PDB file of N, CA and C in Angstrom:
ATOM      1  N   MET A   1      81.100 -30.100   0.373  1.00  0.00           N
ATOM      2  CA  MET A   1      80.302 -30.748   1.338  1.00  0.00           C
ATOM      3  C   MET A   1      81.023 -31.864   2.026  1.00  0.00           C
ATOM      4  N   LEU A   2      82.242 -32.341   1.299  1.00  0.00           N
ATOM      5  CA  LEU A   2      82.653 -33.349   2.113  1.00  0.00           C
ATOM      6  C   LEU A   2      83.308 -32.600   3.484  1.00  0.00           C
ATOM      7  N   ALA A   3      83.810 -31.567   3.474  1.00  0.00           N
ATOM      8  CA  ALA A   3      84.479 -31.109   4.600  1.00  0.00           C
ATOM      9  C   ALA A   3      83.648 -31.082   5.772  1.00  0.00           C
ATOM     10  N   ALA A   4      82.104 -30.879   5.533  1.00  0.00           N
ATOM     11  CA  ALA A   4      81.173 -30.880   6.539  1.00  0.00           C
ATOM     12  C   ALA A   4      80.840 -32.409   7.134  1.00  0.00           C
ATOM     13  N   ALA A   5      81.204 -33.382   6.075  1.00  0.00           N
ATOM     14  CA  ALA A   5      81.212 -34.755   6.668  1.00  0.00           C
ATOM     15  C   ALA A   5      82.587 -35.396   7.277  1.00  0.00           C
ATOM     16  N   GLY A   6      83.556 -34.393   7.052  1.00  0.00           N
ATOM     17  CA  GLY A   6      84.879 -34.749   7.935  1.00  0.00           C
ATOM     18  C   GLY A   6      85.703 -35.794   7.087  1.00  0.00           C
ATOM     19  N   LEU A   7      85.534 -35.628   5.860  1.00  0.00           N
ATOM     20  CA  LEU A   7      86.260 -36.550   5.005  1.00  0.00           C
ATOM     21  C   LEU A   7      87.396 -35.760   4.294  1.00  0.00           C
ATOM     22  N   PRO A   8      88.567 -36.126   3.726  1.00  0.00           N
ATOM     23  CA  PRO A   8      89.445 -35.595   2.725  1.00  0.00           C
ATOM     24  C   PRO A   8      88.817 -35.813   1.540  1.00  0.00           C
ATOM     25  N   ALA A   9      88.944 -35.091   0.576  1.00  0.00           N
ATOM     26  CA  ALA A   9      88.697 -34.777  -0.802  1.00  0.00           C
ATOM     27  C   ALA A   9      88.676 -36.196  -1.486  1.00  0.00           C
ATOM     28  N   TRP A  10      89.609 -36.873  -1.280  1.00  0.00           N
ATOM     29  CA  TRP A  10      89.936 -38.078  -2.061  1.00  0.00           C
ATOM     30  C   TRP A  10      89.136 -39.207  -1.649  1.00  0.00           C
ATOM     31  N   ALA A  11      88.618 -39.236  -0.615  1.00  0.00           N
ATOM     32  CA  ALA A  11      88.052 -40.606   0.080  1.00  0.00           C
ATOM     33  C   ALA A  11      86.656 -40.726  -0.772  1.00  0.00           C
ATOM     34  N   GLN A  12      86.634 -42.135  -0.607  1.00  0.00           N
ATOM     35  CA  GLN A  12      85.389 -42.751  -1.226  1.00  0.00           C
ATOM     36  C   GLN A  12      84.400 -42.529  -0.197  1.00  0.00           C
ATOM     37  N   VAL A  13      83.115 -42.011  -0.631  1.00  0.00           N
ATOM     38  CA  VAL A  13      82.085 -41.649   0.273  1.00  0.00           C
ATOM     39  C   VAL A  13      81.252 -42.885   0.691  1.00  0.00           C
ATOM     40  N   SER A  14      81.255 -43.164   2.026  1.00  0.00           N
ATOM     41  CA  SER A  14      80.457 -44.357   2.458  1.00  0.00           C
ATOM     42  C   SER A  14      78.850 -43.955   2.547  1.00  0.00           C
ATOM     43  N   ARG A  15      78.228 -45.153   2.530  1.00  0.00           N
ATOM     44  CA  ARG A  15      76.704 -44.904   2.862  1.00  0.00           C
ATOM     45  C   ARG A  15      76.394 -44.033   4.046  1.00  0.00           C
ATOM     46  N   ASP A  16      77.242 -44.117   5.080  1.00  0.00           N
ATOM     47  CA  ASP A  16      76.906 -43.302   6.346  1.00  0.00           C
ATOM     48  C   ASP A  16      77.165 -41.757   5.819  1.00  0.00           C
ATOM     49  N   ASP A  17      78.316 -41.793   5.315  1.00  0.00           N
ATOM     50  CA  ASP A  17      78.802 -40.331   4.830  1.00  0.00           C
ATOM     51  C   ASP A  17      77.751 -39.625   4.101  1.00  0.00           C
ATOM     52  N   ALA A  18      77.124 -40.327   3.107  1.00  0.00           N
ATOM     53  CA  ALA A  18      76.344 -39.829   2.266  1.00  0.00           C
ATOM     54  C   ALA A  18      75.062 -39.387   2.978  1.00  0.00           C
ATOM     55  N   ALA A  19      74.733 -40.169   3.939  1.00  0.00           N
ATOM     56  CA  ALA A  19      73.541 -39.722   4.867  1.00  0.00           C
ATOM     57  C   ALA A  19      73.754 -38.790   5.506  1.00  0.00           C
ATOM     58  N   VAL A  20      74.774 -38.428   6.041  1.00  0.00           N
ATOM     59  CA  VAL A  20      75.166 -37.199   6.987  1.00  0.00           C
ATOM     60  C   VAL A  20      75.244 -35.977   5.804  1.00  0.00           C
ATOM     61  N   VAL A  21      76.031 -36.185   4.754  1.00  0.00           N
ATOM     62  CA  VAL A  21      75.633 -34.974   3.828  1.00  0.00           C
ATOM     63  C   VAL A  21      74.244 -34.692   3.368  1.00  0.00           C
ATOM     64  N   ALA A  22      73.364 -35.557   3.189  1.00  0.00           N
ATOM     65  CA  ALA A  22      72.091 -35.299   2.723  1.00  0.00           C
ATOM     66  C   ALA A  22      71.254 -34.637   3.885  1.00  0.00           C
ATOM     67  N   GLN A  23      71.394 -35.125   4.967  1.00  0.00           N
ATOM     68  CA  GLN A  23      70.924 -34.708   6.200  1.00  0.00           C
ATOM     69  C   GLN A  23      71.197 -33.221   6.509  1.00  0.00           C
ATOM     70  N   ARG A  24      72.431 -32.977   6.438  1.00  0.00           N
ATOM     71  CA  ARG A  24      72.995 -31.486   6.656  1.00  0.00           C
ATOM     72  C   ARG A  24      72.436 -30.598   5.472  1.00  0.00           C
ATOM     73  N   GLU A  25      72.631 -31.065   4.238  1.00  0.00           N
ATOM     74  CA  GLU A  25      72.032 -30.288   3.301  1.00  0.00           C
ATOM     75  C   GLU A  25      70.423 -29.873   3.226  1.00  0.00           C
ATOM     76  N   THR A  26      69.551 -30.951   3.767  1.00  0.00           N
ATOM     77  CA  THR A  26      68.112 -30.774   3.958  1.00  0.00           C
ATOM     78  C   THR A  26      67.721 -30.434   5.306  1.00  0.00           C
ATOM     79  N   GLY A  27      68.379 -30.817   6.340  1.00  0.00           N
ATOM     80  CA  GLY A  27      67.795 -30.642   7.429  1.00  0.00           C
ATOM     81  C   GLY A  27      66.920 -31.652   7.925  1.00  0.00           C
ATOM     82  N   GLY A  28      66.617 -32.474   7.069  1.00  0.00           N
ATOM     83  CA  GLY A  28      65.591 -33.544   7.112  1.00  0.00           C
ATOM     84  C   GLY A  28      66.170 -34.860   7.952  1.00  0.00           C
ATOM     85  N   ARG A  29      65.348 -35.919   8.068  1.00  0.00           N
ATOM     86  CA  ARG A  29      65.325 -37.274   8.477  1.00  0.00           C
ATOM     87  C   ARG A  29      65.855 -38.102   7.339  1.00  0.00           C
ATOM     88  N   VAL A  30      66.734 -39.004   7.348  1.00  0.00           N
ATOM     89  CA  VAL A  30      67.099 -39.798   6.149  1.00  0.00           C
ATOM     90  C   VAL A  30      66.221 -41.115   6.418  1.00  0.00           C
ATOM     91  N   LEU A  31      65.611 -41.295   5.289  1.00  0.00           N
ATOM     92  CA  LEU A  31      64.703 -42.476   5.152  1.00  0.00           C
ATOM     93  C   LEU A  31      65.116 -43.875   4.682  1.00  0.00           C
ATOM     94  N   SER A  32      66.140 -43.505   3.598  1.00  0.00           N
ATOM     95  CA  SER A  32      66.871 -44.692   2.730  1.00  0.00           C
ATOM     96  C   SER A  32      67.994 -44.233   2.123  1.00  0.00           C
ATOM     97  N   VAL A  33      68.809 -45.062   1.968  1.00  0.00           N
ATOM     98  CA  VAL A  33      70.237 -44.791   1.275  1.00  0.00           C
ATOM     99  C   VAL A  33      70.488 -46.014   0.385  1.00  0.00           C
ATOM    100  N   GLU A  34      70.488 -45.680  -1.102  1.00  0.00           N
ATOM    101  CA  GLU A  34      70.968 -46.903  -2.015  1.00  0.00           C
ATOM    102  C   GLU A  34      71.838 -46.490  -2.960  1.00  0.00           C
ATOM    103  N   ARG A  35      72.502 -47.471  -3.588  1.00  0.00           N
ATOM    104  CA  ARG A  35      73.474 -47.234  -4.499  1.00  0.00           C
ATOM    105  C   ARG A  35      72.937 -47.182  -5.909  1.00  0.00           C
ATOM    106  N   VAL A  36      73.325 -46.202  -6.746  1.00  0.00           N
ATOM    107  CA  VAL A  36      72.702 -46.197  -8.160  1.00  0.00           C
ATOM    108  C   VAL A  36      73.846 -45.472  -9.194  1.00  0.00           C
ATOM    109  N   ASP A  37      73.635 -45.744 -10.313  1.00  0.00           N
ATOM    110  CA  ASP A  37      74.501 -45.064 -11.264  1.00  0.00           C
ATOM    111  C   ASP A  37      73.697 -43.957 -11.994  1.00  0.00           C
ATOM    112  N   ALA A  38      74.345 -42.771 -12.043  1.00  0.00           N
ATOM    113  CA  ALA A  38      73.565 -41.731 -12.592  1.00  0.00           C
ATOM    114  C   ALA A  38      74.608 -41.089 -13.474  1.00  0.00           C
ATOM    115  N   GLY A  39      74.201 -41.105 -14.993  1.00  0.00           N
ATOM    116  CA  GLY A  39      75.169 -40.491 -15.788  1.00  0.00           C
ATOM    117  C   GLY A  39      76.516 -41.215 -15.954  1.00  0.00           C
ATOM    118  N   GLY A  40      76.632 -42.373 -15.710  1.00  0.00           N
ATOM    119  CA  GLY A  40      77.814 -43.315 -15.589  1.00  0.00           C
ATOM    120  C   GLY A  40      78.673 -43.111 -14.478  1.00  0.00           C
ATOM    121  N   ARG A  41      78.156 -42.475 -13.339  1.00  0.00           N
ATOM    122  CA  ARG A  41      78.946 -42.382 -12.173  1.00  0.00           C
ATOM    123  C   ARG A  41      78.253 -42.996 -11.003  1.00  0.00           C
ATOM    124  N   PRO A  42      78.971 -43.665 -10.201  1.00  0.00           N
ATOM    125  CA  PRO A  42      78.448 -44.344  -8.980  1.00  0.00           C
ATOM    126  C   PRO A  42      77.964 -43.289  -8.017  1.00  0.00           C
ATOM    127  N   MET A  43      76.566 -43.215  -7.671  1.00  0.00           N
ATOM    128  CA  MET A  43      76.267 -42.373  -6.474  1.00  0.00           C
ATOM    129  C   MET A  43      75.179 -42.956  -5.527  1.00  0.00           C
ATOM    130  N   TRP A  44      75.248 -42.276  -4.344  1.00  0.00           N
ATOM    131  CA  TRP A  44      74.130 -42.693  -3.472  1.00  0.00           C
ATOM    132  C   TRP A  44      72.970 -41.876  -3.588  1.00  0.00           C
ATOM    133  N   ARG A  45      71.860 -42.665  -3.562  1.00  0.00           N
ATOM    134  CA  ARG A  45      70.489 -41.959  -3.738  1.00  0.00           C
ATOM    135  C   ARG A  45      69.987 -41.903  -2.316  1.00  0.00           C
ATOM    136  N   VAL A  46      69.945 -40.778  -1.677  1.00  0.00           N
ATOM    137  CA  VAL A  46      69.289 -40.642  -0.286  1.00  0.00           C
ATOM    138  C   VAL A  46      68.062 -39.986  -0.213  1.00  0.00           C
ATOM    139  N   LYS A  47      67.130 -40.703   0.365  1.00  0.00           N
ATOM    140  CA  LYS A  47      65.598 -40.201   0.196  1.00  0.00           C
ATOM    141  C   LYS A  47      65.611 -39.676   1.950  1.00  0.00           C
ATOM    142  N   VAL A  48      64.982 -38.289   1.829  1.00  0.00           N
ATOM    143  CA  VAL A  48      64.945 -37.506   3.200  1.00  0.00           C
ATOM    144  C   VAL A  48      63.587 -37.061   3.221  1.00  0.00           C
ATOM    145  N   VAL A  49      63.029 -36.926   4.418  1.00  0.00           N
ATOM    146  CA  VAL A  49      61.725 -36.323   4.793  1.00  0.00           C
ATOM    147  C   VAL A  49      62.194 -35.120   5.459  1.00  0.00           C
ATOM    148  N   THR A  50      61.763 -33.984   5.167  1.00  0.00           N
ATOM    149  CA  THR A  50      62.117 -32.720   5.620  1.00  0.00           C
ATOM    150  C   THR A  50      61.143 -32.399   6.985  1.00  0.00           C
ATOM    151  N   GLY A  51      61.548 -31.409   7.598  1.00  0.00           N
ATOM    152  CA  GLY A  51      60.462 -31.106   8.779  1.00  0.00           C
ATOM    153  C   GLY A  51      58.917 -30.704   8.327  1.00  0.00           C
ATOM    154  N   ARG A  52      58.905 -30.344   7.102  1.00  0.00           N
ATOM    155  CA  ARG A  52      57.508 -29.984   6.733  1.00  0.00           C
ATOM    156  C   ARG A  52      56.840 -30.994   6.093  1.00  0.00           C
ATOM    157  N   GLY A  53      57.428 -32.242   6.075  1.00  0.00           N
ATOM    158  CA  GLY A  53      56.956 -33.549   5.537  1.00  0.00           C
ATOM    159  C   GLY A  53      57.120 -33.941   4.192  1.00  0.00           C
ATOM    160  N   GLU A  54      57.921 -33.149   3.484  1.00  0.00           N
ATOM    161  CA  GLU A  54      58.390 -33.247   2.044  1.00  0.00           C
ATOM    162  C   GLU A  54      59.312 -34.324   1.758  1.00  0.00           C
ATOM    163  N   VAL A  55      59.213 -35.240   0.967  1.00  0.00           N
ATOM    164  CA  VAL A  55      60.040 -36.267   0.681  1.00  0.00           C
ATOM    165  C   VAL A  55      61.015 -35.674  -0.429  1.00  0.00           C
ATOM    166  N   ARG A  56      62.325 -35.403  -0.257  1.00  0.00           N
ATOM    167  CA  ARG A  56      63.348 -35.147  -1.235  1.00  0.00           C
ATOM    168  C   ARG A  56      64.403 -36.143  -1.379  1.00  0.00           C
ATOM    169  N   VAL A  57      64.870 -36.335  -2.592  1.00  0.00           N
ATOM    170  CA  VAL A  57      65.924 -37.271  -2.956  1.00  0.00           C
ATOM    171  C   VAL A  57      67.204 -36.584  -3.347  1.00  0.00           C
ATOM    172  N   VAL A  58      68.279 -36.875  -2.720  1.00  0.00           N
ATOM    173  CA  VAL A  58      69.649 -36.229  -2.870  1.00  0.00           C
ATOM    174  C   VAL A  58      70.682 -37.173  -3.458  1.00  0.00           C
ATOM    175  N   LEU A  59      71.194 -36.878  -4.558  1.00  0.00           N
ATOM    176  CA  LEU A  59      72.072 -37.958  -5.063  1.00  0.00           C
ATOM    177  C   LEU A  59      73.641 -37.271  -4.408  1.00  0.00           C
ATOM    178  N   VAL A  60      74.256 -38.109  -3.891  1.00  0.00           N
ATOM    179  CA  VAL A  60      75.451 -38.003  -3.406  1.00  0.00           C
ATOM    180  C   VAL A  60      76.723 -38.828  -4.213  1.00  0.00           C
ATOM    181  N   ASP A  61      77.518 -37.958  -5.075  1.00  0.00           N
ATOM    182  CA  ASP A  61      78.537 -38.680  -5.570  1.00  0.00           C
ATOM    183  C   ASP A  61      79.495 -39.470  -4.707  1.00  0.00           C
ATOM    184  N   MET A  62      79.696 -40.636  -5.067  1.00  0.00           N
ATOM    185  CA  MET A  62      80.483 -41.583  -4.265  1.00  0.00           C
ATOM    186  C   MET A  62      81.957 -41.352  -4.217  1.00  0.00           C
ATOM    187  N   ALA A  63      82.385 -40.552  -5.222  1.00  0.00           N
ATOM    188  CA  ALA A  63      83.920 -40.415  -5.287  1.00  0.00           C
ATOM    189  C   ALA A  63      83.990 -38.817  -4.618  1.00  0.00           C
ATOM    190  N   THR A  64      83.381 -38.019  -4.721  1.00  0.00           N
ATOM    191  CA  THR A  64      83.544 -36.595  -4.506  1.00  0.00           C
ATOM    192  C   THR A  64      82.774 -35.967  -3.131  1.00  0.00           C
ATOM    193  N   GLY A  65      81.547 -36.698  -3.025  1.00  0.00           N
ATOM    194  CA  GLY A  65      80.721 -36.394  -1.815  1.00  0.00           C
ATOM    195  C   GLY A  65      79.929 -35.106  -2.280  1.00  0.00           C
ATOM    196  N   GLN A  66      80.033 -34.646  -3.680  1.00  0.00           N
ATOM    197  CA  GLN A  66      78.948 -33.581  -4.134  1.00  0.00           C
ATOM    198  C   GLN A  66      77.618 -34.035  -4.190  1.00  0.00           C
ATOM    199  N   THR A  67      76.781 -33.003  -3.981  1.00  0.00           N
ATOM    200  CA  THR A  67      75.195 -33.497  -4.070  1.00  0.00           C
ATOM    201  C   THR A  67      74.908 -32.960  -5.606  1.00  0.00           C
ATOM    202  N   ARG A  68      73.680 -33.462  -5.956  1.00  0.00           N
ATOM    203  CA  ARG A  68      72.902 -33.000  -7.061  1.00  0.00           C
ATOM    204  C   ARG A  68      71.440 -33.210  -6.652  1.00  0.00           C
TER     205      ARG A  68
END
């Protein structure tokens, strides 16, 4: 996923990068981005609303850019 955001694999993922990753994954509009810890790892919690009006939460690993 980081390649889609244009980042090298070793880069720390910024708030804006996480928003781009989540938007591309869902095709939705980003509502909010906040820092959280999930399983002992720093993550970005990105809330997105899809074209169908569904609200989804995407977790983006701050170190790798991978989503959950």
